[in-house]
PDB file of all heavy atoms in Angstrom:
ATOM      1  N   MET A   1       0.826  -1.214   0.000  1.00  0.00           N
ATOM      2  CA  MET A   1       0.000   0.000   0.000  1.00  0.00           C
ATOM      3  C   MET A   1       0.858   1.262   0.000  1.00  0.00           C
ATOM      4  O   MET A   1       0.544   2.226  -0.704  1.00  0.00           O
ATOM      5  CB  MET A   1      -0.941  -0.011   1.206  1.00  0.00           C
ATOM      6  CG  MET A   1      -2.086  -0.978   1.046  1.00  0.00           C
ATOM      7  SD  MET A   1      -3.330  -0.822   2.328  1.00  0.00           S
ATOM      8  CE  MET A   1      -2.549  -1.685   3.672  1.00  0.00           C
ATOM      9  N   VAL A   2       1.944   1.254   0.758  1.00  0.00           N
ATOM     10  CA  VAL A   2       2.837   2.426   0.780  1.00  0.00           C
ATOM     11  C   VAL A   2       3.481   2.614  -0.589  1.00  0.00           C
ATOM     12  O   VAL A   2       3.536   3.733  -1.115  1.00  0.00           O
ATOM     13  CB  VAL A   2       3.902   2.266   1.883  1.00  0.00           C
ATOM     14  CG1 VAL A   2       4.992   3.307   1.751  1.00  0.00           C
ATOM     15  CG2 VAL A   2       3.259   2.332   3.256  1.00  0.00           C
ATOM     16  N   PHE A   3       3.958   1.517  -1.165  1.00  0.00           N
ATOM     17  CA  PHE A   3       4.593   1.586  -2.476  1.00  0.00           C
ATOM     18  C   PHE A   3       3.602   2.038  -3.542  1.00  0.00           C
ATOM     19  O   PHE A   3       3.925   2.847  -4.417  1.00  0.00           O
ATOM     20  CB  PHE A   3       5.192   0.221  -2.815  1.00  0.00           C
ATOM     21  CG  PHE A   3       6.152   0.246  -3.956  1.00  0.00           C
ATOM     22  CD1 PHE A   3       7.326   0.979  -3.899  1.00  0.00           C
ATOM     23  CD2 PHE A   3       5.885  -0.473  -5.107  1.00  0.00           C
ATOM     24  CE1 PHE A   3       8.213   0.999  -4.955  1.00  0.00           C
ATOM     25  CE2 PHE A   3       6.761  -0.459  -6.171  1.00  0.00           C
ATOM     26  CZ  PHE A   3       7.932   0.274  -6.093  1.00  0.00           C
ATOM     27  N   ALA A   4       2.372   1.542  -3.461  1.00  0.00           N
ATOM     28  CA  ALA A   4       1.338   1.946  -4.417  1.00  0.00           C
ATOM     29  C   ALA A   4       1.003   3.424  -4.268  1.00  0.00           C
ATOM     30  O   ALA A   4       0.846   4.134  -5.263  1.00  0.00           O
ATOM     31  CB  ALA A   4       0.084   1.101  -4.218  1.00  0.00           C
ATOM     32  N   ALA A   5       0.900   3.892  -3.029  1.00  0.00           N
ATOM     33  CA  ALA A   5       0.595   5.313  -2.811  1.00  0.00           C
ATOM     34  C   ALA A   5       1.712   6.204  -3.344  1.00  0.00           C
ATOM     35  O   ALA A   5       1.441   7.244  -3.956  1.00  0.00           O
ATOM     36  CB  ALA A   5       0.362   5.570  -1.327  1.00  0.00           C
ATOM     37  N   LEU A   6       2.953   5.809  -3.140  1.00  0.00           N
ATOM     38  CA  LEU A   6       4.073   6.596  -3.658  1.00  0.00           C
ATOM     39  C   LEU A   6       4.088   6.598  -5.189  1.00  0.00           C
ATOM     40  O   LEU A   6       4.288   7.655  -5.808  1.00  0.00           O
ATOM     41  CB  LEU A   6       5.390   6.042  -3.130  1.00  0.00           C
ATOM     42  CG  LEU A   6       5.703   6.349  -1.670  1.00  0.00           C
ATOM     43  CD1 LEU A   6       6.967   5.624  -1.227  1.00  0.00           C
ATOM     44  CD2 LEU A   6       5.855   7.840  -1.457  1.00  0.00           C
ATOM     45  N   ALA A   7       3.873   5.439  -5.790  1.00  0.00           N
ATOM     46  CA  ALA A   7       3.872   5.368  -7.262  1.00  0.00           C
ATOM     47  C   ALA A   7       2.721   6.180  -7.849  1.00  0.00           C
ATOM     48  O   ALA A   7       2.894   6.888  -8.844  1.00  0.00           O
ATOM     49  CB  ALA A   7       3.777   3.910  -7.713  1.00  0.00           C
ATOM     50  N   GLY A   8       1.549   6.116  -7.239  1.00  0.00           N
ATOM     51  CA  GLY A   8       0.414   6.897  -7.721  1.00  0.00           C
ATOM     52  C   GLY A   8       0.643   8.386  -7.575  1.00  0.00           C
ATOM     53  O   GLY A   8       0.306   9.171  -8.461  1.00  0.00           O
ATOM     54  N   ALA A   9       1.234   8.792  -6.445  1.00  0.00           N
ATOM     55  CA  ALA A   9       1.512  10.217  -6.223  1.00  0.00           C
ATOM     56  C   ALA A   9       2.545  10.730  -7.218  1.00  0.00           C
ATOM     57  O   ALA A   9       2.409  11.842  -7.751  1.00  0.00           O
ATOM     58  CB  ALA A   9       1.987  10.439  -4.795  1.00  0.00           C
ATOM     59  N   ILE A  10       3.561   9.926  -7.490  1.00  0.00           N
ATOM     60  CA  ILE A  10       4.580  10.341  -8.460  1.00  0.00           C
ATOM     61  C   ILE A  10       3.962  10.471  -9.851  1.00  0.00           C
ATOM     62  O   ILE A  10       4.203  11.453 -10.554  1.00  0.00           O
ATOM     63  CB  ILE A  10       5.764   9.352  -8.453  1.00  0.00           C
ATOM     64  CG1 ILE A  10       6.567   9.529  -7.165  1.00  0.00           C
ATOM     65  CG2 ILE A  10       6.655   9.557  -9.672  1.00  0.00           C
ATOM     66  CD1 ILE A  10       7.609   8.464  -6.937  1.00  0.00           C
ATOM     67  N   ALA A  11       3.151   9.497 -10.241  1.00  0.00           N
ATOM     68  CA  ALA A  11       2.517   9.563 -11.559  1.00  0.00           C
ATOM     69  C   ALA A  11       1.521  10.714 -11.639  1.00  0.00           C
ATOM     70  O   ALA A  11       1.364  11.342 -12.686  1.00  0.00           O
ATOM     71  CB  ALA A  11       1.813   8.242 -11.873  1.00  0.00           C
ATOM     72  N   PHE A  12       0.842  10.996 -10.536  1.00  0.00           N
ATOM     73  CA  PHE A  12      -0.140  12.081 -10.511  1.00  0.00           C
ATOM     74  C   PHE A  12       0.537  13.448 -10.605  1.00  0.00           C
ATOM     75  O   PHE A  12       0.010  14.366 -11.224  1.00  0.00           O
ATOM     76  CB  PHE A  12      -0.970  11.993  -9.236  1.00  0.00           C
ATOM     77  CG  PHE A  12      -2.105  12.964  -9.177  1.00  0.00           C
ATOM     78  CD1 PHE A  12      -3.244  12.771  -9.934  1.00  0.00           C
ATOM     79  CD2 PHE A  12      -2.043  14.085  -8.360  1.00  0.00           C
ATOM     80  CE1 PHE A  12      -4.295  13.662  -9.891  1.00  0.00           C
ATOM     81  CE2 PHE A  12      -3.084  14.982  -8.302  1.00  0.00           C
ATOM     82  CZ  PHE A  12      -4.212  14.772  -9.070  1.00  0.00           C
ATOM     83  N   LEU A  13       1.714  13.600  -9.995  1.00  0.00           N
ATOM     84  CA  LEU A  13       2.393  14.895  -9.953  1.00  0.00           C
ATOM     85  C   LEU A  13       3.421  15.084 -11.069  1.00  0.00           C
ATOM     86  O   LEU A  13       3.704  16.225 -11.448  1.00  0.00           O
ATOM     87  CB  LEU A  13       3.079  15.078  -8.600  1.00  0.00           C
ATOM     88  CG  LEU A  13       2.152  15.103  -7.392  1.00  0.00           C
ATOM     89  CD1 LEU A  13       2.957  15.124  -6.113  1.00  0.00           C
ATOM     90  CD2 LEU A  13       1.216  16.285  -7.463  1.00  0.00           C
ATOM     91  N   ALA A  14       3.982  14.000 -11.591  1.00  0.00           N
ATOM     92  CA  ALA A  14       5.054  14.121 -12.578  1.00  0.00           C
ATOM     93  C   ALA A  14       4.573  14.693 -13.903  1.00  0.00           C
ATOM     94  O   ALA A  14       5.243  15.543 -14.493  1.00  0.00           O
ATOM     95  CB  ALA A  14       5.719  12.770 -12.805  1.00  0.00           C
ATOM     96  N   GLY A  15       3.426  14.253 -14.377  1.00  0.00           N
ATOM     97  CA  GLY A  15       2.920  14.735 -15.664  1.00  0.00           C
ATOM     98  C   GLY A  15       2.644  16.227 -15.674  1.00  0.00           C
ATOM     99  O   GLY A  15       3.161  16.942 -16.545  1.00  0.00           O
ATOM    100  N   PRO A  16       1.848  16.733 -14.728  1.00  0.00           N
ATOM    101  CA  PRO A  16       1.615  18.182 -14.705  1.00  0.00           C
ATOM    102  C   PRO A  16       2.889  18.995 -14.480  1.00  0.00           C
ATOM    103  O   PRO A  16       3.053  20.065 -15.065  1.00  0.00           O
ATOM    104  CB  PRO A  16       0.641  18.366 -13.546  1.00  0.00           C
ATOM    105  CG  PRO A  16      -0.065  17.065 -13.441  1.00  0.00           C
ATOM    106  CD  PRO A  16       0.946  16.032 -13.823  1.00  0.00           C
ATOM    107  N   LEU A  17       3.806  18.477 -13.666  1.00  0.00           N
ATOM    108  CA  LEU A  17       5.052  19.199 -13.433  1.00  0.00           C
ATOM    109  C   LEU A  17       5.886  19.253 -14.708  1.00  0.00           C
ATOM    110  O   LEU A  17       6.404  20.319 -15.068  1.00  0.00           O
ATOM    111  CB  LEU A  17       5.840  18.534 -12.300  1.00  0.00           C
ATOM    112  CG  LEU A  17       7.149  19.205 -11.932  1.00  0.00           C
ATOM    113  CD1 LEU A  17       6.871  20.589 -11.344  1.00  0.00           C
ATOM    114  CD2 LEU A  17       7.924  18.358 -10.956  1.00  0.00           C
ATOM    115  N   LEU A  18       6.014  18.130 -15.396  1.00  0.00           N
ATOM    116  CA  LEU A  18       6.728  18.126 -16.669  1.00  0.00           C
ATOM    117  C   LEU A  18       6.044  19.022 -17.688  1.00  0.00           C
ATOM    118  O   LEU A  18       6.695  19.757 -18.417  1.00  0.00           O
ATOM    119  CB  LEU A  18       6.805  16.703 -17.222  1.00  0.00           C
ATOM    120  CG  LEU A  18       7.932  15.829 -16.716  1.00  0.00           C
ATOM    121  CD1 LEU A  18       7.767  14.413 -17.222  1.00  0.00           C
ATOM    122  CD2 LEU A  18       9.262  16.388 -17.148  1.00  0.00           C
ATOM    123  N   PHE A  19       4.715  18.944 -17.744  1.00  0.00           N
ATOM    124  CA  PHE A  19       3.977  19.737 -18.716  1.00  0.00           C
ATOM    125  C   PHE A  19       4.163  21.228 -18.465  1.00  0.00           C
ATOM    126  O   PHE A  19       4.261  22.020 -19.402  1.00  0.00           O
ATOM    127  CB  PHE A  19       2.491  19.374 -18.663  1.00  0.00           C
ATOM    128  CG  PHE A  19       1.712  19.942 -19.791  1.00  0.00           C
ATOM    129  CD1 PHE A  19       1.624  19.276 -20.995  1.00  0.00           C
ATOM    130  CD2 PHE A  19       1.070  21.161 -19.673  1.00  0.00           C
ATOM    131  CE1 PHE A  19       0.914  19.794 -22.056  1.00  0.00           C
ATOM    132  CE2 PHE A  19       0.355  21.698 -20.720  1.00  0.00           C
ATOM    133  CZ  PHE A  19       0.277  21.005 -21.916  1.00  0.00           C
ATOM    134  N   ALA A  20       4.223  21.625 -17.212  1.00  0.00           N
ATOM    135  CA  ALA A  20       4.367  23.046 -16.885  1.00  0.00           C
ATOM    136  C   ALA A  20       5.779  23.555 -17.133  1.00  0.00           C
ATOM    137  O   ALA A  20       5.961  24.745 -17.380  1.00  0.00           O
ATOM    138  CB  ALA A  20       3.977  23.288 -15.430  1.00  0.00           C
ATOM    139  N   THR A  21       6.773  22.679 -17.079  1.00  0.00           N
ATOM    140  CA  THR A  21       8.152  23.152 -17.222  1.00  0.00           C
ATOM    141  C   THR A  21       8.698  23.012 -18.639  1.00  0.00           C
ATOM    142  O   THR A  21       9.581  23.762 -19.016  1.00  0.00           O
ATOM    143  CB  THR A  21       9.079  22.392 -16.259  1.00  0.00           C
ATOM    144  OG1 THR A  21       8.968  20.991 -16.496  1.00  0.00           O
ATOM    145  CG2 THR A  21       8.731  22.700 -14.819  1.00  0.00           C
ATOM    146  N   VAL A  22       8.189  22.082 -19.412  1.00  0.00           N
ATOM    147  CA  VAL A  22       8.702  21.858 -20.768  1.00  0.00           C
ATOM    148  C   VAL A  22       8.043  22.841 -21.725  1.00  0.00           C
ATOM    149  O   VAL A  22       6.848  23.077 -21.659  1.00  0.00           O
ATOM    150  CB  VAL A  22       8.423  20.397 -21.197  1.00  0.00           C
ATOM    151  CG1 VAL A  22       8.740  20.194 -22.654  1.00  0.00           C
ATOM    152  CG2 VAL A  22       9.213  19.453 -20.342  1.00  0.00           C
ATOM    153  N   ARG A  23       8.833  23.407 -22.615  1.00  0.00           N
ATOM    154  CA  ARG A  23       8.318  24.390 -23.566  1.00  0.00           C
ATOM    155  C   ARG A  23       7.998  23.800 -24.935  1.00  0.00           C
ATOM    156  O   ARG A  23       7.289  24.407 -25.711  1.00  0.00           O
ATOM    157  CB  ARG A  23       9.340  25.517 -23.760  1.00  0.00           C
ATOM    158  CG  ARG A  23       9.553  26.354 -22.543  1.00  0.00           C
ATOM    159  CD  ARG A  23       8.358  27.180 -22.304  1.00  0.00           C
ATOM    160  NE  ARG A  23       8.603  28.168 -21.261  1.00  0.00           N
ATOM    161  CZ  ARG A  23       7.772  29.110 -20.972  1.00  0.00           C
ATOM    162  NH1 ARG A  23       6.659  29.228 -21.632  1.00  0.00           N
ATOM    163  NH2 ARG A  23       8.042  29.948 -20.023  1.00  0.00           N
ATOM    164  N   SER A  24       8.524  22.637 -25.250  1.00  0.00           N
ATOM    165  CA  SER A  24       8.335  22.053 -26.572  1.00  0.00           C
ATOM    166  C   SER A  24       6.891  21.604 -26.768  1.00  0.00           C
ATOM    167  O   SER A  24       6.383  20.793 -25.997  1.00  0.00           O
ATOM    168  CB  SER A  24       9.272  20.854 -26.737  1.00  0.00           C
ATOM    169  OG  SER A  24       8.936  20.118 -27.883  1.00  0.00           O
ATOM    170  N   PRO A  25       6.205  22.100 -27.803  1.00  0.00           N
ATOM    171  CA  PRO A  25       4.827  21.681 -28.041  1.00  0.00           C
ATOM    172  C   PRO A  25       4.704  20.184 -28.355  1.00  0.00           C
ATOM    173  O   PRO A  25       3.722  19.555 -28.000  1.00  0.00           O
ATOM    174  CB  PRO A  25       4.365  22.515 -29.227  1.00  0.00           C
ATOM    175  CG  PRO A  25       5.368  23.583 -29.406  1.00  0.00           C
ATOM    176  CD  PRO A  25       6.620  23.148 -28.737  1.00  0.00           C
ATOM    177  N   GLU A  26       5.725  19.632 -29.019  1.00  0.00           N
ATOM    178  CA  GLU A  26       5.685  18.209 -29.332  1.00  0.00           C
ATOM    179  C   GLU A  26       5.754  17.367 -28.061  1.00  0.00           C
ATOM    180  O   GLU A  26       5.018  16.391 -27.914  1.00  0.00           O
ATOM    181  CB  GLU A  26       6.845  17.826 -30.268  1.00  0.00           C
ATOM    182  CG  GLU A  26       6.756  18.453 -31.642  1.00  0.00           C
ATOM    183  CD  GLU A  26       7.335  19.869 -31.694  1.00  0.00           C
ATOM    184  OE1 GLU A  26       7.996  20.295 -30.723  1.00  0.00           O
ATOM    185  OE2 GLU A  26       7.110  20.539 -32.702  1.00  0.00           O
TER     186      GLU A  26
END
């Protein structure tokens, strides 16, 4: 459960963080 919560939180936060910092439209 701890490992699942960490993996879900990383996946939930990584995409928006990458999307907000990357400038390439592709």
